[in-house]
C-alpha atoms as a PDB file:
ATOM      1  CA  UNK A   1      72.769  89.065  85.758  1.00  0.00           C
ATOM      2  CA  UNK A   2      75.825  89.104  88.045  1.00  0.00           C
ATOM      3  CA  UNK A   3      75.093  90.696  91.421  1.00  0.00           C
ATOM      4  CA  UNK A   4      78.128  92.620  92.662  1.00  0.00           C
ATOM      5  CA  UNK A   5      79.145  94.104  96.011  1.00  0.00           C
ATOM      6  CA  UNK A   6      81.613  96.974  96.071  1.00  0.00           C
ATOM      7  CA  UNK A   7      84.150  96.464  98.861  1.00  0.00           C
ATOM      8  CA  UNK A   8      85.361  99.928  99.908  1.00  0.00           C
ATOM      9  CA  UNK A   9      85.644 103.314  98.224  1.00  0.00           C
ATOM     10  CA  UNK A  10      89.183 103.757  99.523  1.00  0.00           C
ATOM     11  CA  UNK A  11      90.944 103.626  96.157  1.00  0.00           C
ATOM     12  CA  UNK A  12      90.637 106.551  93.747  1.00  0.00           C
ATOM     13  CA  UNK A  13      89.474 104.170  90.979  1.00  0.00           C
ATOM     14  CA  UNK A  14      86.527 102.771  92.967  1.00  0.00           C
ATOM     15  CA  UNK A  15      84.013 105.129  91.358  1.00  0.00           C
ATOM     16  CA  UNK A  16      85.285 104.246  87.880  1.00  0.00           C
ATOM     17  CA  UNK A  17      84.727 100.539  88.505  1.00  0.00           C
ATOM     18  CA  UNK A  18      81.233 101.190  89.817  1.00  0.00           C
ATOM     19  CA  UNK A  19      80.367 103.199  86.701  1.00  0.00           C
ATOM     20  CA  UNK A  20      81.697 100.436  84.421  1.00  0.00           C
ATOM     21  CA  UNK A  21      79.561  97.840  86.185  1.00  0.00           C
ATOM     22  CA  UNK A  22      76.448 100.007  86.028  1.00  0.00           C
ATOM     23  CA  UNK A  23      76.932 100.398  82.260  1.00  0.00           C
ATOM     24  CA  UNK A  24      77.216  96.630  81.753  1.00  0.00           C
ATOM     25  CA  UNK A  25      73.955  94.862  80.915  1.00  0.00           C
ATOM     26  CA  UNK A  26      75.160  91.630  82.526  1.00  0.00           C
ATOM     27  CA  UNK A  27      75.944  92.981  86.005  1.00  0.00           C
ATOM     28  CA  UNK A  28      74.444  95.132  88.738  1.00  0.00           C
ATOM     29  CA  UNK A  29      75.648  96.534  92.052  1.00  0.00           C
ATOM     30  CA  UNK A  30      73.495  95.355  94.963  1.00  0.00           C
ATOM     31  CA  UNK A  31      75.491  96.331  98.065  1.00  0.00           C
ATOM     32  CA  UNK A  32      78.448  98.271  99.475  1.00  0.00           C
ATOM     33  CA  UNK A  33      80.806  97.560 102.359  1.00  0.00           C
ATOM     34  CA  UNK A  34      83.568  99.885 103.514  1.00  0.00           C
ATOM     35  CA  UNK A  35      86.104  99.787 106.344  1.00  0.00           C
ATOM     36  CA  UNK A  36      85.037 103.408 106.871  1.00  0.00           C
ATOM     37  CA  UNK A  37      81.318 103.075 107.596  1.00  0.00           C
ATOM     38  CA  UNK A  38      80.486 106.746 107.000  1.00  0.00           C
ATOM     39  CA  UNK A  39      82.183 106.750 103.600  1.00  0.00           C
ATOM     40  CA  UNK A  40      80.552 103.472 102.661  1.00  0.00           C
ATOM     41  CA  UNK A  41      77.072 104.612 103.695  1.00  0.00           C
ATOM     42  CA  UNK A  42      77.430 107.780 101.606  1.00  0.00           C
ATOM     43  CA  UNK A  43      78.487 105.735  98.595  1.00  0.00           C
ATOM     44  CA  UNK A  44      75.674 103.219  98.971  1.00  0.00           C
ATOM     45  CA  UNK A  45      73.167 106.086  99.170  1.00  0.00           C
ATOM     46  CA  UNK A  46      74.632 107.644  96.001  1.00  0.00           C
ATOM     47  CA  UNK A  47      74.371 104.361  94.110  1.00  0.00           C
ATOM     48  CA  UNK A  48      70.998 103.510  95.632  1.00  0.00           C
ATOM     49  CA  UNK A  49      71.927 100.128  97.139  1.00  0.00           C
ATOM     50  CA  UNK A  50      72.256  98.525 100.581  1.00  0.00           C
ATOM     51  CA  UNK A  51      75.128  99.362 102.893  1.00  0.00           C
ATOM     52  CA  UNK A  52      76.344  96.481 105.040  1.00  0.00           C
ATOM     53  CA  UNK A  53      78.833  97.430 107.803  1.00  0.00           C
ATOM     54  CA  UNK A  54      79.736  93.809 108.581  1.00  0.00           C
ATOM     55  CA  UNK A  55      81.948  92.236 105.914  1.00  0.00           C
ATOM     56  CA  UNK A  56      81.279  88.640 106.964  1.00  0.00           C
ATOM     57  CA  UNK A  57      77.525  89.213 106.820  1.00  0.00           C
ATOM     58  CA  UNK A  58      77.829  90.731 103.372  1.00  0.00           C
ATOM     59  CA  UNK A  59      79.982  87.854 102.072  1.00  0.00           C
ATOM     60  CA  UNK A  60      77.458  85.365 103.466  1.00  0.00           C
ATOM     61  CA  UNK A  61      74.589  86.854 101.457  1.00  0.00           C
ATOM     62  CA  UNK A  62      73.239  84.537  98.772  1.00  0.00           C
ATOM     63  CA  UNK A  63      72.139  87.467  96.592  1.00  0.00           C
ATOM     64  CA  UNK A  64      75.778  88.472  95.977  1.00  0.00           C
ATOM     65  CA  UNK A  65      77.787  86.609  93.333  1.00  0.00           C
ATOM     66  CA  UNK A  66      80.920  88.717  93.073  1.00  0.00           C
ATOM     67  CA  UNK A  67      82.929  91.497  94.714  1.00  0.00           C
ATOM     68  CA  UNK A  68      85.135  94.375  93.601  1.00  0.00           C
ATOM     69  CA  UNK A  69      87.978  95.010  96.063  1.00  0.00           C
ATOM     70  CA  UNK A  70      89.084  98.646  96.442  1.00  0.00           C
ATOM     71  CA  UNK A  71      90.324  98.469 100.037  1.00  0.00           C
ATOM     72  CA  UNK A  72      93.756  99.615 101.227  1.00  0.00           C
ATOM     73  CA  UNK A  73      96.383  97.324  99.719  1.00  0.00           C
ATOM     74  CA  UNK A  74      97.310  96.127 103.207  1.00  0.00           C
ATOM     75  CA  UNK A  75      93.801  94.617 103.547  1.00  0.00           C
ATOM     76  CA  UNK A  76      93.747  92.752 100.236  1.00  0.00           C
ATOM     77  CA  UNK A  77      94.820  89.368 101.572  1.00  0.00           C
ATOM     78  CA  UNK A  78      92.247  89.377 104.369  1.00  0.00           C
ATOM     79  CA  UNK A  79      89.365  90.589 102.202  1.00  0.00           C
ATOM     80  CA  UNK A  80      90.107  88.534  99.078  1.00  0.00           C
ATOM     81  CA  UNK A  81      90.672  85.294 100.985  1.00  0.00           C
ATOM     82  CA  UNK A  82      87.392  85.819 102.880  1.00  0.00           C
ATOM     83  CA  UNK A  83      85.530  86.464  99.630  1.00  0.00           C
ATOM     84  CA  UNK A  84      87.033  83.409  97.931  1.00  0.00           C
ATOM     85  CA  UNK A  85      86.165  81.225 100.906  1.00  0.00           C
ATOM     86  CA  UNK A  86      82.539  82.349 100.503  1.00  0.00           C
ATOM     87  CA  UNK A  87      82.542  81.463  96.807  1.00  0.00           C
ATOM     88  CA  UNK A  88      82.443  85.030  95.477  1.00  0.00           C
ATOM     89  CA  UNK A  89      84.095  85.941  92.176  1.00  0.00           C
ATOM     90  CA  UNK A  90      86.770  88.589  92.714  1.00  0.00           C
ATOM     91  CA  UNK A  91      87.970  91.677  90.885  1.00  0.00           C
ATOM     92  CA  UNK A  92      90.751  93.610  92.601  1.00  0.00           C
ATOM     93  CA  UNK A  93      92.531  96.896  92.159  1.00  0.00           C
ATOM     94  CA  UNK A  94      96.298  96.517  91.818  1.00  0.00           C
ATOM     95  CA  UNK A  95      98.545  95.658  93.659  1.00  0.00           C
ATOM     96  CA  UNK A  96      97.305  92.127  94.504  1.00  0.00           C
ATOM     97  CA  UNK A  97      99.050  92.218  97.916  1.00  0.00           C
ATOM     98  CA  UNK A  98     102.233  93.764  99.359  1.00  0.00           C
ATOM     99  CA  UNK A  99     104.131  90.440  99.550  1.00  0.00           C
ATOM    100  CA  UNK A 100     104.401  87.287  97.475  1.00  0.00           C
ATOM    101  CA  UNK A 101     103.656  85.249 100.620  1.00  0.00           C
ATOM    102  CA  UNK A 102     100.246  86.948 100.879  1.00  0.00           C
ATOM    103  CA  UNK A 103      99.677  86.413  97.146  1.00  0.00           C
ATOM    104  CA  UNK A 104     100.227  82.681  97.598  1.00  0.00           C
ATOM    105  CA  UNK A 105      97.528  82.638 100.284  1.00  0.00           C
ATOM    106  CA  UNK A 106      95.193  84.496  97.917  1.00  0.00           C
ATOM    107  CA  UNK A 107      95.987  82.104  95.051  1.00  0.00           C
ATOM    108  CA  UNK A 108      95.270  79.055  97.193  1.00  0.00           C
ATOM    109  CA  UNK A 109      91.943  80.474  98.401  1.00  0.00           C
ATOM    110  CA  UNK A 110      90.800  81.494  94.903  1.00  0.00           C
ATOM    111  CA  UNK A 111      91.709  78.123  93.398  1.00  0.00           C
ATOM    112  CA  UNK A 112      90.085  76.211  96.250  1.00  0.00           C
ATOM    113  CA  UNK A 113      86.965  78.360  95.941  1.00  0.00           C
ATOM    114  CA  UNK A 114      86.832  77.807  92.162  1.00  0.00           C
ATOM    115  CA  UNK A 115      85.959  81.468  91.581  1.00  0.00           C
ATOM    116  CA  UNK A 116      86.917  83.836  88.766  1.00  0.00           C
ATOM    117  CA  UNK A 117      89.700  86.295  89.591  1.00  0.00           C
ATOM    118  CA  UNK A 118      90.858  89.388  87.708  1.00  0.00           C
ATOM    119  CA  UNK A 119      93.364  92.076  88.662  1.00  0.00           C
ATOM    120  CA  UNK A 120      93.121  95.520  87.076  1.00  0.00           C
ATOM    121  CA  UNK A 121      95.885  95.850  84.470  1.00  0.00           C
ATOM    122  CA  UNK A 122      94.130  98.275  82.074  1.00  0.00           C
ATOM    123  CA  UNK A 123      97.231  99.276  80.124  1.00  0.00           C
ATOM    124  CA  UNK A 124      97.518  95.739  78.808  1.00  0.00           C
ATOM    125  CA  UNK A 125      94.289  96.341  76.872  1.00  0.00           C
ATOM    126  CA  UNK A 126      95.558  99.401  74.944  1.00  0.00           C
ATOM    127  CA  UNK A 127      96.179  99.023  71.169  1.00  0.00           C
ATOM    128  CA  UNK A 128      99.614 100.671  71.256  1.00  0.00           C
ATOM    129  CA  UNK A 129     100.819  98.406  74.064  1.00  0.00           C
ATOM    130  CA  UNK A 130      99.425  95.348  72.294  1.00  0.00           C
ATOM    131  CA  UNK A 131     101.454  96.455  69.272  1.00  0.00           C
ATOM    132  CA  UNK A 132     104.540  96.678  71.500  1.00  0.00           C
ATOM    133  CA  UNK A 133     103.935  93.097  72.598  1.00  0.00           C
ATOM    134  CA  UNK A 134     103.788  92.043  68.942  1.00  0.00           C
ATOM    135  CA  UNK A 135     107.004  93.934  68.157  1.00  0.00           C
ATOM    136  CA  UNK A 136     108.807  92.124  70.962  1.00  0.00           C
ATOM    137  CA  UNK A 137     107.303  88.677  70.278  1.00  0.00           C
ATOM    138  CA  UNK A 138     107.966  88.799  66.533  1.00  0.00           C
ATOM    139  CA  UNK A 139     111.386  90.451  66.939  1.00  0.00           C
ATOM    140  CA  UNK A 140     110.456  93.276  64.588  1.00  0.00           C
ATOM    141  CA  UNK A 141     113.331  95.314  66.058  1.00  0.00           C
ATOM    142  CA  UNK A 142     115.530  92.312  66.853  1.00  0.00           C
ATOM    143  CA  UNK A 143     116.415  91.138  70.346  1.00  0.00           C
ATOM    144  CA  UNK A 144     115.414  93.664  73.010  1.00  0.00           C
ATOM    145  CA  UNK A 145     118.254  95.326  74.900  1.00  0.00           C
ATOM    146  CA  UNK A 146     116.474  98.098  76.811  1.00  0.00           C
ATOM    147  CA  UNK A 147     112.944  99.124  77.776  1.00  0.00           C
ATOM    148  CA  UNK A 148     111.957 102.420  79.375  1.00  0.00           C
ATOM    149  CA  UNK A 149     108.435 103.196  80.617  1.00  0.00           C
ATOM    150  CA  UNK A 150     107.413 106.415  82.354  1.00  0.00           C
ATOM    151  CA  UNK A 151     104.068 106.981  84.072  1.00  0.00           C
ATOM    152  CA  UNK A 152     103.763 109.987  86.392  1.00  0.00           C
ATOM    153  CA  UNK A 153     101.400 112.778  87.453  1.00  0.00           C
ATOM    154  CA  UNK A 154     101.297 115.741  89.845  1.00  0.00           C
ATOM    155  CA  UNK A 155      99.036 114.326  92.564  1.00  0.00           C
ATOM    156  CA  UNK A 156     101.389 115.208  95.439  1.00  0.00           C
ATOM    157  CA  UNK A 157     102.192 118.776  94.384  1.00  0.00           C
ATOM    158  CA  UNK A 158      98.678 119.629  93.186  1.00  0.00           C
ATOM    159  CA  UNK A 159      97.212 117.963  96.299  1.00  0.00           C
ATOM    160  CA  UNK A 160      94.434 116.007  94.582  1.00  0.00           C
ATOM    161  CA  UNK A 161      95.408 112.584  95.920  1.00  0.00           C
ATOM    162  CA  UNK A 162      93.791 111.628  99.252  1.00  0.00           C
ATOM    163  CA  UNK A 163      96.068 111.985 102.284  1.00  0.00           C
ATOM    164  CA  UNK A 164      95.923 108.264 103.025  1.00  0.00           C
ATOM    165  CA  UNK A 165      97.754 107.542  99.756  1.00  0.00           C
ATOM    166  CA  UNK A 166     100.876 108.615 101.657  1.00  0.00           C
ATOM    167  CA  UNK A 167     100.357 106.088 104.455  1.00  0.00           C
ATOM    168  CA  UNK A 168     102.813 103.231 103.916  1.00  0.00           C
ATOM    169  CA  UNK A 169     100.984 100.984 106.383  1.00  0.00           C
ATOM    170  CA  UNK A 170      97.823 101.176 104.255  1.00  0.00           C
ATOM    171  CA  UNK A 171      99.342 101.352 100.771  1.00  0.00           C
ATOM    172  CA  UNK A 172     102.482  99.275 101.146  1.00  0.00           C
ATOM    173  CA  UNK A 173     104.465 102.139  99.620  1.00  0.00           C
ATOM    174  CA  UNK A 174     104.069 105.348  97.686  1.00  0.00           C
ATOM    175  CA  UNK A 175     104.234 106.315  94.019  1.00  0.00           C
ATOM    176  CA  UNK A 176     105.875 103.088  92.871  1.00  0.00           C
ATOM    177  CA  UNK A 177     103.328 100.887  94.631  1.00  0.00           C
ATOM    178  CA  UNK A 178     100.438 102.833  93.105  1.00  0.00           C
ATOM    179  CA  UNK A 179     101.128 104.514  89.774  1.00  0.00           C
ATOM    180  CA  UNK A 180     104.338 102.591  89.185  1.00  0.00           C
ATOM    181  CA  UNK A 181     102.344  99.362  89.032  1.00  0.00           C
ATOM    182  CA  UNK A 182     101.457 100.093  85.403  1.00  0.00           C
ATOM    183  CA  UNK A 183     105.010 100.246  84.009  1.00  0.00           C
ATOM    184  CA  UNK A 184     105.964  97.384  86.316  1.00  0.00           C
ATOM    185  CA  UNK A 185     103.376  94.959  84.945  1.00  0.00           C
ATOM    186  CA  UNK A 186     104.005  96.127  81.385  1.00  0.00           C
ATOM    187  CA  UNK A 187     107.739  95.505  81.712  1.00  0.00           C
ATOM    188  CA  UNK A 188     107.137  91.984  83.085  1.00  0.00           C
ATOM    189  CA  UNK A 189     104.662  91.223  80.276  1.00  0.00           C
ATOM    190  CA  UNK A 190     106.990  92.507  77.568  1.00  0.00           C
ATOM    191  CA  UNK A 191     110.358  91.220  78.760  1.00  0.00           C
ATOM    192  CA  UNK A 192     109.623  88.072  80.751  1.00  0.00           C
ATOM    193  CA  UNK A 193     111.307  86.755  83.870  1.00  0.00           C
ATOM    194  CA  UNK A 194     113.253  89.277  86.005  1.00  0.00           C
ATOM    195  CA  UNK A 195     116.659  88.457  87.498  1.00  0.00           C
ATOM    196  CA  UNK A 196     117.432  91.477  89.701  1.00  0.00           C
ATOM    197  CA  UNK A 197     116.202  94.956  90.581  1.00  0.00           C
ATOM    198  CA  UNK A 198     117.679  98.220  91.905  1.00  0.00           C
ATOM    199  CA  UNK A 199     115.681 101.234  93.111  1.00  0.00           C
ATOM    200  CA  UNK A 200     116.211 104.921  93.798  1.00  0.00           C
ATOM    201  CA  UNK A 201     113.249 106.512  95.611  1.00  0.00           C
ATOM    202  CA  UNK A 202     112.896 109.877  97.327  1.00  0.00           C
ATOM    203  CA  UNK A 203     110.226 112.232  98.625  1.00  0.00           C
ATOM    204  CA  UNK A 204     110.405 115.578  96.851  1.00  0.00           C
ATOM    205  CA  UNK A 205     107.483 116.889  98.941  1.00  0.00           C
ATOM    206  CA  UNK A 206     108.832 115.275 102.137  1.00  0.00           C
ATOM    207  CA  UNK A 207     105.744 113.146 102.481  1.00  0.00           C
ATOM    208  CA  UNK A 208     106.083 109.879 104.455  1.00  0.00           C
ATOM    209  CA  UNK A 209     106.403 107.765 101.281  1.00  0.00           C
ATOM    210  CA  UNK A 210     108.265 108.151  97.998  1.00  0.00           C
ATOM    211  CA  UNK A 211     106.702 110.510  95.461  1.00  0.00           C
ATOM    212  CA  UNK A 212     109.541 110.247  92.904  1.00  0.00           C
ATOM    213  CA  UNK A 213     110.882 106.840  91.971  1.00  0.00           C
ATOM    214  CA  UNK A 214     112.929 104.806  89.494  1.00  0.00           C
ATOM    215  CA  UNK A 215     113.607 101.054  89.427  1.00  0.00           C
ATOM    216  CA  UNK A 216     116.031  99.341  87.070  1.00  0.00           C
ATOM    217  CA  UNK A 217     115.322  95.682  86.309  1.00  0.00           C
ATOM    218  CA  UNK A 218     117.588  93.112  84.676  1.00  0.00           C
ATOM    219  CA  UNK A 219     115.738  90.331  82.878  1.00  0.00           C
ATOM    220  CA  UNK A 220     116.726  86.755  82.139  1.00  0.00           C
ATOM    221  CA  UNK A 221     117.025  87.587  78.426  1.00  0.00           C
ATOM    222  CA  UNK A 222     119.711  90.205  79.316  1.00  0.00           C
ATOM    223  CA  UNK A 223     117.375  93.126  78.562  1.00  0.00           C
ATOM    224  CA  UNK A 224     117.306  96.041  81.021  1.00  0.00           C
ATOM    225  CA  UNK A 225     114.032  97.698  82.017  1.00  0.00           C
ATOM    226  CA  UNK A 226     113.769 101.214  83.439  1.00  0.00           C
ATOM    227  CA  UNK A 227     110.540 101.967  85.306  1.00  0.00           C
ATOM    228  CA  UNK A 228     109.894 105.630  86.170  1.00  0.00           C
ATOM    229  CA  UNK A 229     107.005 107.034  88.173  1.00  0.00           C
ATOM    230  CA  UNK A 230     106.055 109.824  90.543  1.00  0.00           C
ATOM    231  CA  UNK A 231     103.437 112.132  91.985  1.00  0.00           C
ATOM    232  CA  UNK A 232     105.484 115.309  91.321  1.00  0.00           C
ATOM    233  CA  UNK A 233     105.433 115.741  87.523  1.00  0.00           C
ATOM    234  CA  UNK A 234     103.077 118.304  85.994  1.00  0.00           C
ATOM    235  CA  UNK A 235     101.940 117.732  82.396  1.00  0.00           C
ATOM    236  CA  UNK A 236     103.899 114.493  82.321  1.00  0.00           C
ATOM    237  CA  UNK A 237     103.015 112.344  79.346  1.00  0.00           C
ATOM    238  CA  UNK A 238     103.300 108.561  79.161  1.00  0.00           C
ATOM    239  CA  UNK A 239     106.342 107.195  77.355  1.00  0.00           C
ATOM    240  CA  UNK A 240     107.229 103.673  76.305  1.00  0.00           C
ATOM    241  CA  UNK A 241     110.549 103.124  74.542  1.00  0.00           C
ATOM    242  CA  UNK A 242     111.897  99.774  73.392  1.00  0.00           C
ATOM    243  CA  UNK A 243     115.400  99.458  71.933  1.00  0.00           C
ATOM    244  CA  UNK A 244     116.580  96.364  70.098  1.00  0.00           C
ATOM    245  CA  UNK A 245     119.491  95.055  68.103  1.00  0.00           C
ATOM    246  CA  UNK A 246     117.718  95.986  64.853  1.00  0.00           C
ATOM    247  CA  UNK A 247     115.706  99.083  65.744  1.00  0.00           C
ATOM    248  CA  UNK A 248     113.515 101.067  68.097  1.00  0.00           C
ATOM    249  CA  UNK A 249     109.845 101.481  69.049  1.00  0.00           C
ATOM    250  CA  UNK A 250     108.564 104.694  70.635  1.00  0.00           C
ATOM    251  CA  UNK A 251     105.018 105.094  72.018  1.00  0.00           C
ATOM    252  CA  UNK A 252     103.573 108.279  73.502  1.00  0.00           C
ATOM    253  CA  UNK A 253     104.891 111.806  73.472  1.00  0.00           C
ATOM    254  CA  UNK A 254     102.975 115.041  72.844  1.00  0.00           C
ATOM    255  CA  UNK A 255     101.059 113.547  69.914  1.00  0.00           C
ATOM    256  CA  UNK A 256     100.543 110.150  71.582  1.00  0.00           C
ATOM    257  CA  UNK A 257     101.713 108.327  68.479  1.00  0.00           C
ATOM    258  CA  UNK A 258     103.602 105.134  67.640  1.00  0.00           C
ATOM    259  CA  UNK A 259     106.946 105.246  65.810  1.00  0.00           C
ATOM    260  CA  UNK A 260     109.004 102.271  64.663  1.00  0.00           C
ATOM    261  CA  UNK A 261     112.389 102.151  62.968  1.00  0.00           C
ATOM    262  CA  UNK A 262     113.933  98.824  61.993  1.00  0.00           C
ATOM    263  CA  UNK A 263     116.676  97.568  59.714  1.00  0.00           C
ATOM    264  CA  UNK A 264     114.312  94.784  58.685  1.00  0.00           C
ATOM    265  CA  UNK A 265     113.057  95.569  55.179  1.00  0.00           C
ATOM    266  CA  UNK A 266     109.580  94.260  55.958  1.00  0.00           C
ATOM    267  CA  UNK A 267     109.267  96.739  58.868  1.00  0.00           C
ATOM    268  CA  UNK A 268     111.148  99.889  57.843  1.00  0.00           C
ATOM    269  CA  UNK A 269     110.929 103.309  59.463  1.00  0.00           C
ATOM    270  CA  UNK A 270     107.552 105.013  59.857  1.00  0.00           C
ATOM    271  CA  UNK A 271     104.809 106.388  62.021  1.00  0.00           C
ATOM    272  CA  UNK A 272     102.372 103.557  62.629  1.00  0.00           C
ATOM    273  CA  UNK A 273      98.808 104.328  61.546  1.00  0.00           C
ATOM    274  CA  UNK A 274      96.060 103.645  64.047  1.00  0.00           C
ATOM    275  CA  UNK A 275      94.457 101.106  61.730  1.00  0.00           C
ATOM    276  CA  UNK A 276      97.681  99.046  61.895  1.00  0.00           C
ATOM    277  CA  UNK A 277      97.381  98.670  65.661  1.00  0.00           C
ATOM    278  CA  UNK A 278      95.657  95.690  67.243  1.00  0.00           C
ATOM    279  CA  UNK A 279      92.081  96.131  68.384  1.00  0.00           C
ATOM    280  CA  UNK A 280      91.753  97.166  72.025  1.00  0.00           C
ATOM    281  CA  UNK A 281      90.915  94.348  74.407  1.00  0.00           C
ATOM    282  CA  UNK A 282      87.905  94.672  76.718  1.00  0.00           C
ATOM    283  CA  UNK A 283      88.671  96.593  79.896  1.00  0.00           C
ATOM    284  CA  UNK A 284      89.493  94.451  82.951  1.00  0.00           C
ATOM    285  CA  UNK A 285      86.009  94.759  84.519  1.00  0.00           C
ATOM    286  CA  UNK A 286      84.445  93.696  81.212  1.00  0.00           C
ATOM    287  CA  UNK A 287      86.782  90.698  80.927  1.00  0.00           C
ATOM    288  CA  UNK A 288      85.884  89.643  84.470  1.00  0.00           C
ATOM    289  CA  UNK A 289      82.137  89.858  83.914  1.00  0.00           C
ATOM    290  CA  UNK A 290      82.400  87.992  80.593  1.00  0.00           C
ATOM    291  CA  UNK A 291      84.444  85.264  82.286  1.00  0.00           C
ATOM    292  CA  UNK A 292      81.752  84.798  84.928  1.00  0.00           C
ATOM    293  CA  UNK A 293      78.776  84.902  82.551  1.00  0.00           C
ATOM    294  CA  UNK A 294      80.248  83.265  79.433  1.00  0.00           C
ATOM    295  CA  UNK A 295      83.412  81.496  80.514  1.00  0.00           C
ATOM    296  CA  UNK A 296      85.612  83.832  78.469  1.00  0.00           C
ATOM    297  CA  UNK A 297      89.346  84.278  79.065  1.00  0.00           C
ATOM    298  CA  UNK A 298      90.818  86.769  81.555  1.00  0.00           C
ATOM    299  CA  UNK A 299      94.152  88.157  80.369  1.00  0.00           C
ATOM    300  CA  UNK A 300      95.494  89.002  83.828  1.00  0.00           C
ATOM    301  CA  UNK A 301      94.738  86.867  86.843  1.00  0.00           C
ATOM    302  CA  UNK A 302      96.479  85.212  89.768  1.00  0.00           C
ATOM    303  CA  UNK A 303      99.858  84.552  88.142  1.00  0.00           C
ATOM    304  CA  UNK A 304     100.115  88.052  86.693  1.00  0.00           C
ATOM    305  CA  UNK A 305      99.161  89.537  90.059  1.00  0.00           C
ATOM    306  CA  UNK A 306     101.876  87.531  91.785  1.00  0.00           C
ATOM    307  CA  UNK A 307     104.451  88.597  89.184  1.00  0.00           C
ATOM    308  CA  UNK A 308     103.676  92.259  89.839  1.00  0.00           C
ATOM    309  CA  UNK A 309     103.979  91.804  93.602  1.00  0.00           C
ATOM    310  CA  UNK A 310     107.323  90.041  93.116  1.00  0.00           C
ATOM    311  CA  UNK A 311     108.632  93.112  91.289  1.00  0.00           C
ATOM    312  CA  UNK A 312     107.224  95.470  93.921  1.00  0.00           C
ATOM    313  CA  UNK A 313     108.591  93.482  96.833  1.00  0.00           C
ATOM    314  CA  UNK A 314     111.998  93.481  95.179  1.00  0.00           C
ATOM    315  CA  UNK A 315     111.847  97.194  94.362  1.00  0.00           C
ATOM    316  CA  UNK A 316     111.115  98.179  97.952  1.00  0.00           C
ATOM    317  CA  UNK A 317     113.654  95.723  99.373  1.00  0.00           C
ATOM    318  CA  UNK A 318     116.284  97.334  97.141  1.00  0.00           C
ATOM    319  CA  UNK A 319     115.399 100.826  98.331  1.00  0.00           C
ATOM    320  CA  UNK A 320     115.157  99.874 102.001  1.00  0.00           C
ATOM    321  CA  UNK A 321     118.393  97.864 102.001  1.00  0.00           C
ATOM    322  CA  UNK A 322     120.344 100.118  99.639  1.00  0.00           C
ATOM    323  CA  UNK A 323     121.434  97.322  97.324  1.00  0.00           C
ATOM    324  CA  UNK A 324     120.590  95.355  94.212  1.00  0.00           C
ATOM    325  CA  UNK A 325     118.110  92.578  94.958  1.00  0.00           C
ATOM    326  CA  UNK A 326     118.307  89.188  93.255  1.00  0.00           C
ATOM    327  CA  UNK A 327     114.928  87.560  92.773  1.00  0.00           C
ATOM    328  CA  UNK A 328     116.461  84.129  93.318  1.00  0.00           C
ATOM    329  CA  UNK A 329     117.171  85.030  96.964  1.00  0.00           C
ATOM    330  CA  UNK A 330     114.376  87.506  97.712  1.00  0.00           C
ATOM    331  CA  UNK A 331     112.111  85.091  99.574  1.00  0.00           C
ATOM    332  CA  UNK A 332     114.827  83.138 101.392  1.00  0.00           C
END
């Protein structure tokens, strides 16, 4: 039985992670820490576990094997490095850290601590997205020329996101840093190494951070990726479009279906039945627990977390500097 401490209820997904752990027969929550003591104490009381206001004391406890990090993104480096140094296995909400430099510090601490690390990339477990990976890898629609992924909701105009999600000092950004992480990590997974990035962000609601955002990425294989996100789209549905030299793949839409059209005779043009799609992978929390208890593989760890931060750092540099950013010079 893995004994887990929940580190902060700051992120909107914190409750979801707690519920997933409580449903898993191989893990249990034993304590809570939060940078906001009142919020943390309330959460610990709801779960029925200890609340520890001192992070170092909590990380020093021998009855805690692992931690789930839901703190503000700006605190990730500090919290994750401390946990790794204490030998605790680590699960973290995306983004890993606001800068690649901080990610390198995290990577060094995790590797030196010899602990299991998983970052939450849930959309890489979905059957339709796994099918997209197969389409790209097996060139079922030829060489890829363009990818478009949209992921948006109405959190800023319907006012259901917490106010601190618009604090750049805590979050590292706005809609792109949060919701845009999903199309960002999918684009990197599907298309490989990025070469350059250009961003257009604005604030439709005039909040302090962007709530409407697009980044355009050029990849080493000459494909172009378009990442769209925002907090100002009502009834927005997820879309993933991949265009190649021999066809097209469309995922999403009102019916949330998969459509492929290819000039390859062995592929053809059709709606893809659900039973043709790959089996869903375990959710990130489940992968992490299985890695700790059984030594099983984690699909998205330190390297994938660093790749996402590289894209984010480039996206915000492009917006802030008003120019296309080359990844070869970003960190110089």
